[in-house]
Amino acid sequence: MNNNKTDERQGLPSASNWRRYELCAGSYQLAKEARRLEQEAHTENEAAARGTRIHAFLSGIPDEDGKEITLSASEQQTADFLQERIEEQIQRIFGDSPFTQATEKRFWFLDRDAKI
C-alpha cells in the first residue's frame, strides 16, 4: 500500500490500473478497498515495491520522512542503467540542443463524470 503523502495521483488510477478501471470500475474500487484494508492478496509485492523505490529515486521524490530515497546495491545498479538510457534518449531526441533536466511525470486521463 502506498502511504507516500507526495503521491500526486490522489487516489486516481495509475496507467497500469487504467485498463482495469475502464473494463470494470467496480472491480477497480473493490481492489482499491482491499489494498486499503491491507488484505494479503492486494499488498504490494517486492517487485512492485522495488519499482516504486527506483521510480521515486529517479524522480527525486523524497521518502515519507522527506529524506532522499536510499536504494540497495541492486536497485542502484538498475537506477544507474535507467539513467544512462535517459541520457541516451535525450541525446538521440535533442542532439546538441541545450537540455538541462529530464523529469518523470505521472499522467492519467480523468473523466469528469466518473466517480472514482
N, C-alpha and C. Protein backbone atom coordinates (compact mmCIF):
# COMPACT_ATOMS: atom_id res chain seq x y z
N MET A 1 0.84 -1.18 0.00
CA MET A 1 0.00 0.00 0.00
C MET A 1 0.88 1.24 0.00
N ASN A 2 0.58 2.18 -0.84
CA ASN A 2 1.39 3.39 -0.94
C ASN A 2 0.85 4.45 -0.01
N ASN A 3 1.57 4.71 1.07
CA ASN A 3 1.18 5.75 2.01
C ASN A 3 1.94 7.03 1.78
N ASN A 4 2.67 7.12 0.68
CA ASN A 4 3.50 8.28 0.41
C ASN A 4 2.62 9.51 0.24
N LYS A 5 2.78 10.49 1.12
CA LYS A 5 1.96 11.70 1.09
C LYS A 5 2.25 12.56 -0.14
N THR A 6 3.33 12.27 -0.86
CA THR A 6 3.66 13.06 -2.05
C THR A 6 3.05 12.46 -3.31
N ASP A 7 2.24 11.42 -3.19
CA ASP A 7 1.63 10.77 -4.36
C ASP A 7 0.64 11.74 -4.99
N GLU A 8 0.99 12.23 -6.18
CA GLU A 8 0.15 13.22 -6.85
C GLU A 8 -1.08 12.63 -7.50
N ARG A 9 -1.21 11.30 -7.51
CA ARG A 9 -2.40 10.67 -8.12
C ARG A 9 -3.66 10.96 -7.33
N GLN A 10 -3.54 11.12 -6.04
CA GLN A 10 -4.67 11.40 -5.15
C GLN A 10 -5.80 10.40 -5.33
N GLY A 11 -5.45 9.13 -5.39
CA GLY A 11 -6.44 8.08 -5.47
C GLY A 11 -6.92 7.73 -6.87
N LEU A 12 -6.44 8.44 -7.89
CA LEU A 12 -6.84 8.13 -9.25
C LEU A 12 -6.10 6.90 -9.75
N PRO A 13 -6.66 6.20 -10.74
CA PRO A 13 -5.98 5.00 -11.26
C PRO A 13 -4.65 5.37 -11.93
N SER A 14 -3.66 4.52 -11.71
CA SER A 14 -2.38 4.68 -12.40
C SER A 14 -2.55 4.19 -13.84
N ALA A 15 -1.56 4.47 -14.65
CA ALA A 15 -1.60 4.00 -16.04
C ALA A 15 -1.71 2.48 -16.08
N SER A 16 -1.03 1.79 -15.16
CA SER A 16 -1.07 0.33 -15.16
C SER A 16 -2.43 -0.20 -14.69
N ASN A 17 -3.19 0.58 -13.95
CA ASN A 17 -4.51 0.15 -13.49
C ASN A 17 -5.65 0.69 -14.33
N TRP A 18 -5.33 1.57 -15.29
CA TRP A 18 -6.40 2.22 -16.05
C TRP A 18 -7.28 1.23 -16.80
N ARG A 19 -6.66 0.22 -17.41
CA ARG A 19 -7.45 -0.75 -18.20
C ARG A 19 -8.44 -1.48 -17.30
N ARG A 20 -8.02 -1.83 -16.10
CA ARG A 20 -8.94 -2.49 -15.17
C ARG A 20 -10.10 -1.57 -14.83
N TYR A 21 -9.81 -0.30 -14.58
CA TYR A 21 -10.84 0.68 -14.28
C TYR A 21 -11.79 0.84 -15.46
N GLU A 22 -11.24 0.90 -16.66
CA GLU A 22 -12.02 1.08 -17.86
C GLU A 22 -12.98 -0.11 -18.08
N LEU A 23 -12.48 -1.32 -17.84
CA LEU A 23 -13.30 -2.51 -18.05
C LEU A 23 -14.38 -2.68 -16.99
N CYS A 24 -14.03 -2.34 -15.74
CA CYS A 24 -14.99 -2.51 -14.66
C CYS A 24 -14.59 -1.64 -13.48
N ALA A 25 -15.23 -0.49 -13.37
CA ALA A 25 -14.91 0.43 -12.28
C ALA A 25 -15.15 -0.22 -10.92
N GLY A 26 -16.16 -1.09 -10.83
CA GLY A 26 -16.45 -1.77 -9.57
C GLY A 26 -15.30 -2.68 -9.14
N SER A 27 -14.72 -3.40 -10.09
CA SER A 27 -13.58 -4.27 -9.79
C SER A 27 -12.40 -3.43 -9.31
N TYR A 28 -12.17 -2.30 -9.99
CA TYR A 28 -11.08 -1.41 -9.58
C TYR A 28 -11.32 -0.91 -8.14
N GLN A 29 -12.55 -0.48 -7.85
CA GLN A 29 -12.88 0.03 -6.50
C GLN A 29 -12.73 -1.07 -5.44
N LEU A 30 -13.14 -2.29 -5.78
CA LEU A 30 -13.01 -3.41 -4.85
C LEU A 30 -11.54 -3.69 -4.53
N ALA A 31 -10.70 -3.71 -5.56
CA ALA A 31 -9.27 -3.94 -5.35
C ALA A 31 -8.66 -2.80 -4.54
N LYS A 32 -9.09 -1.57 -4.81
CA LYS A 32 -8.58 -0.40 -4.08
C LYS A 32 -8.93 -0.52 -2.58
N GLU A 33 -10.15 -0.93 -2.29
CA GLU A 33 -10.58 -1.09 -0.89
C GLU A 33 -9.82 -2.24 -0.22
N ALA A 34 -9.59 -3.32 -0.95
CA ALA A 34 -8.84 -4.45 -0.39
C ALA A 34 -7.42 -4.02 -0.04
N ARG A 35 -6.79 -3.19 -0.91
CA ARG A 35 -5.45 -2.67 -0.60
C ARG A 35 -5.49 -1.78 0.62
N ARG A 36 -6.53 -0.93 0.72
CA ARG A 36 -6.66 -0.03 1.87
C ARG A 36 -6.75 -0.84 3.17
N LEU A 37 -7.45 -1.96 3.10
CA LEU A 37 -7.61 -2.83 4.27
C LEU A 37 -6.41 -3.75 4.48
N GLU A 38 -5.42 -3.63 3.57
CA GLU A 38 -4.20 -4.42 3.62
C GLU A 38 -4.46 -5.91 3.60
N GLN A 39 -5.45 -6.31 2.79
CA GLN A 39 -5.71 -7.72 2.61
C GLN A 39 -4.54 -8.33 1.86
N GLU A 40 -4.11 -9.48 2.28
CA GLU A 40 -2.88 -10.08 1.79
C GLU A 40 -2.79 -10.18 0.28
N ALA A 41 -3.86 -10.51 -0.39
CA ALA A 41 -3.82 -10.66 -1.85
C ALA A 41 -3.54 -9.35 -2.57
N HIS A 42 -3.72 -8.23 -1.90
CA HIS A 42 -3.55 -6.93 -2.55
C HIS A 42 -2.43 -6.10 -1.95
N THR A 43 -1.60 -6.72 -1.13
CA THR A 43 -0.46 -5.96 -0.63
C THR A 43 0.59 -5.88 -1.72
N GLU A 44 1.38 -4.82 -1.70
CA GLU A 44 2.38 -4.61 -2.73
C GLU A 44 3.46 -5.68 -2.62
N ASN A 45 3.74 -6.37 -3.73
CA ASN A 45 4.79 -7.38 -3.69
C ASN A 45 6.16 -6.71 -3.78
N GLU A 46 7.21 -7.46 -3.55
CA GLU A 46 8.56 -6.89 -3.50
C GLU A 46 8.97 -6.29 -4.83
N ALA A 47 8.59 -6.92 -5.95
CA ALA A 47 8.95 -6.37 -7.26
C ALA A 47 8.30 -5.00 -7.47
N ALA A 48 7.04 -4.87 -7.08
CA ALA A 48 6.36 -3.59 -7.22
C ALA A 48 6.97 -2.54 -6.28
N ALA A 49 7.29 -2.95 -5.06
CA ALA A 49 7.91 -2.02 -4.10
C ALA A 49 9.27 -1.56 -4.62
N ARG A 50 10.02 -2.48 -5.21
CA ARG A 50 11.34 -2.14 -5.78
C ARG A 50 11.19 -1.12 -6.90
N GLY A 51 10.24 -1.35 -7.80
CA GLY A 51 9.98 -0.42 -8.89
C GLY A 51 9.54 0.94 -8.39
N THR A 52 8.71 0.95 -7.36
CA THR A 52 8.26 2.21 -6.78
C THR A 52 9.43 3.00 -6.20
N ARG A 53 10.34 2.30 -5.49
CA ARG A 53 11.52 2.98 -4.92
C ARG A 53 12.42 3.55 -6.02
N ILE A 54 12.65 2.76 -7.06
CA ILE A 54 13.53 3.21 -8.15
C ILE A 54 12.91 4.41 -8.87
N HIS A 55 11.62 4.34 -9.18
CA HIS A 55 10.96 5.47 -9.83
C HIS A 55 11.02 6.72 -8.96
N ALA A 56 10.76 6.56 -7.67
CA ALA A 56 10.81 7.71 -6.77
C ALA A 56 12.22 8.30 -6.72
N PHE A 57 13.23 7.44 -6.66
CA PHE A 57 14.63 7.89 -6.64
C PHE A 57 14.95 8.68 -7.90
N LEU A 58 14.62 8.13 -9.06
CA LEU A 58 14.91 8.80 -10.33
C LEU A 58 14.13 10.10 -10.49
N SER A 59 12.95 10.17 -9.87
CA SER A 59 12.13 11.38 -9.96
C SER A 59 12.50 12.41 -8.90
N GLY A 60 13.36 12.02 -7.96
CA GLY A 60 13.75 12.95 -6.90
C GLY A 60 12.70 13.11 -5.82
N ILE A 61 11.79 12.14 -5.74
CA ILE A 61 10.75 12.19 -4.71
C ILE A 61 11.35 11.72 -3.39
N PRO A 62 11.18 12.47 -2.32
CA PRO A 62 11.74 12.05 -1.03
C PRO A 62 10.91 10.92 -0.40
N ASP A 63 11.50 10.28 0.62
CA ASP A 63 10.74 9.25 1.34
C ASP A 63 9.72 9.94 2.24
N GLU A 64 9.01 9.15 3.03
CA GLU A 64 7.95 9.70 3.89
C GLU A 64 8.47 10.66 4.95
N ASP A 65 9.78 10.59 5.25
CA ASP A 65 10.38 11.50 6.22
C ASP A 65 11.01 12.71 5.54
N GLY A 66 10.84 12.82 4.23
CA GLY A 66 11.40 13.95 3.48
C GLY A 66 12.86 13.79 3.13
N LYS A 67 13.42 12.59 3.35
CA LYS A 67 14.83 12.34 3.05
C LYS A 67 14.96 11.68 1.68
N GLU A 68 16.16 11.81 1.10
CA GLU A 68 16.43 11.18 -0.19
C GLU A 68 16.28 9.66 -0.06
N ILE A 69 15.68 9.05 -1.05
CA ILE A 69 15.48 7.59 -1.06
C ILE A 69 16.84 6.90 -1.14
N THR A 70 17.04 5.90 -0.32
CA THR A 70 18.26 5.09 -0.35
C THR A 70 17.93 3.77 -1.02
N LEU A 71 18.69 3.42 -2.04
CA LEU A 71 18.47 2.17 -2.77
C LEU A 71 19.48 1.11 -2.36
N SER A 72 19.08 -0.14 -2.50
CA SER A 72 20.02 -1.25 -2.30
C SER A 72 21.01 -1.22 -3.47
N ALA A 73 22.07 -2.01 -3.38
CA ALA A 73 23.07 -2.06 -4.45
C ALA A 73 22.44 -2.48 -5.77
N SER A 74 21.55 -3.48 -5.73
CA SER A 74 20.88 -3.96 -6.94
C SER A 74 19.96 -2.88 -7.51
N GLU A 75 19.20 -2.22 -6.64
CA GLU A 75 18.31 -1.16 -7.09
C GLU A 75 19.10 0.00 -7.68
N GLN A 76 20.24 0.34 -7.06
CA GLN A 76 21.07 1.42 -7.56
C GLN A 76 21.63 1.08 -8.94
N GLN A 77 22.01 -0.18 -9.12
CA GLN A 77 22.51 -0.63 -10.42
C GLN A 77 21.42 -0.45 -11.49
N THR A 78 20.19 -0.81 -11.16
CA THR A 78 19.07 -0.64 -12.10
C THR A 78 18.83 0.84 -12.36
N ALA A 79 18.85 1.66 -11.31
CA ALA A 79 18.64 3.10 -11.47
C ALA A 79 19.73 3.71 -12.35
N ASP A 80 20.97 3.29 -12.14
CA ASP A 80 22.08 3.80 -12.96
C ASP A 80 21.89 3.42 -14.43
N PHE A 81 21.48 2.17 -14.65
CA PHE A 81 21.22 1.70 -16.02
C PHE A 81 20.12 2.55 -16.67
N LEU A 82 19.04 2.79 -15.93
CA LEU A 82 17.93 3.58 -16.47
C LEU A 82 18.36 5.02 -16.72
N GLN A 83 19.18 5.57 -15.83
CA GLN A 83 19.67 6.94 -16.02
C GLN A 83 20.51 7.04 -17.30
N GLU A 84 21.31 6.03 -17.55
CA GLU A 84 22.10 6.00 -18.80
C GLU A 84 21.17 5.98 -20.02
N ARG A 85 20.10 5.19 -19.95
CA ARG A 85 19.14 5.14 -21.06
C ARG A 85 18.48 6.50 -21.25
N ILE A 86 18.15 7.16 -20.14
CA ILE A 86 17.55 8.50 -20.22
C ILE A 86 18.49 9.44 -20.97
N GLU A 87 19.76 9.43 -20.58
CA GLU A 87 20.74 10.31 -21.20
C GLU A 87 20.92 9.99 -22.69
N GLU A 88 20.89 8.71 -23.03
CA GLU A 88 20.99 8.32 -24.44
C GLU A 88 19.80 8.85 -25.23
N GLN A 89 18.62 8.75 -24.66
CA GLN A 89 17.41 9.20 -25.36
C GLN A 89 17.38 10.72 -25.48
N ILE A 90 17.85 11.42 -24.48
CA ILE A 90 17.94 12.88 -24.56
C ILE A 90 18.86 13.27 -25.72
N GLN A 91 19.99 12.60 -25.80
CA GLN A 91 20.94 12.88 -26.89
C GLN A 91 20.32 12.54 -28.24
N ARG A 92 19.64 11.41 -28.31
CA ARG A 92 19.01 10.99 -29.57
C ARG A 92 17.94 11.98 -30.00
N ILE A 93 17.12 12.43 -29.07
CA ILE A 93 15.99 13.30 -29.40
C ILE A 93 16.42 14.75 -29.60
N PHE A 94 17.27 15.26 -28.69
CA PHE A 94 17.60 16.68 -28.70
C PHE A 94 18.96 17.00 -29.32
N GLY A 95 19.78 15.97 -29.54
CA GLY A 95 21.09 16.18 -30.14
C GLY A 95 21.92 17.17 -29.35
N ASP A 96 22.47 18.16 -30.03
CA ASP A 96 23.33 19.14 -29.37
C ASP A 96 22.56 20.34 -28.83
N SER A 97 21.23 20.33 -28.94
CA SER A 97 20.44 21.43 -28.38
C SER A 97 20.62 21.45 -26.87
N PRO A 98 20.62 22.65 -26.29
CA PRO A 98 20.78 22.72 -24.83
C PRO A 98 19.61 22.04 -24.12
N PHE A 99 19.94 21.22 -23.18
CA PHE A 99 18.93 20.48 -22.41
C PHE A 99 19.49 20.30 -21.02
N THR A 100 18.74 20.66 -20.00
CA THR A 100 19.30 20.64 -18.65
C THR A 100 18.69 19.61 -17.71
N GLN A 101 17.46 19.16 -17.97
CA GLN A 101 16.85 18.29 -16.97
C GLN A 101 15.81 17.37 -17.60
N ALA A 102 15.82 16.12 -17.16
CA ALA A 102 14.77 15.16 -17.52
C ALA A 102 13.98 14.89 -16.26
N THR A 103 12.68 15.01 -16.34
CA THR A 103 11.83 14.81 -15.18
C THR A 103 10.74 13.80 -15.53
N GLU A 104 10.56 12.82 -14.67
CA GLU A 104 9.49 11.85 -14.87
C GLU A 104 8.22 12.44 -14.28
N LYS A 105 7.17 12.42 -15.05
CA LYS A 105 5.88 12.92 -14.59
C LYS A 105 4.83 11.84 -14.78
N ARG A 106 3.92 11.76 -13.85
CA ARG A 106 2.79 10.86 -14.00
C ARG A 106 1.72 11.58 -14.79
N PHE A 107 0.95 10.81 -15.52
CA PHE A 107 -0.18 11.40 -16.20
C PHE A 107 -1.29 10.38 -16.25
N TRP A 108 -2.50 10.86 -16.32
CA TRP A 108 -3.67 10.00 -16.42
C TRP A 108 -4.80 10.82 -17.02
N PHE A 109 -5.78 10.10 -17.51
CA PHE A 109 -6.96 10.75 -18.05
C PHE A 109 -8.01 10.78 -16.97
N LEU A 110 -8.74 11.86 -16.91
CA LEU A 110 -9.80 11.98 -15.91
C LEU A 110 -11.11 12.24 -16.63
N ASP A 111 -12.04 11.35 -16.45
CA ASP A 111 -13.38 11.53 -16.97
C ASP A 111 -14.14 12.31 -15.91
N ARG A 112 -14.53 13.52 -16.22
CA ARG A 112 -15.17 14.39 -15.22
C ARG A 112 -16.46 13.79 -14.67
N ASP A 113 -17.07 12.87 -15.39
CA ASP A 113 -18.31 12.26 -14.92
C ASP A 113 -18.07 10.99 -14.12
N ALA A 114 -16.82 10.51 -14.11
CA ALA A 114 -16.52 9.26 -13.41
C ALA A 114 -16.53 9.48 -11.90
N LYS A 115 -17.02 8.49 -11.19
CA LYS A 115 -16.99 8.52 -9.73
C LYS A 115 -15.86 7.61 -9.28
N ILE A 116 -14.73 8.23 -8.94
CA ILE A 116 -13.55 7.46 -8.59
C ILE A 116 -13.44 7.32 -7.09
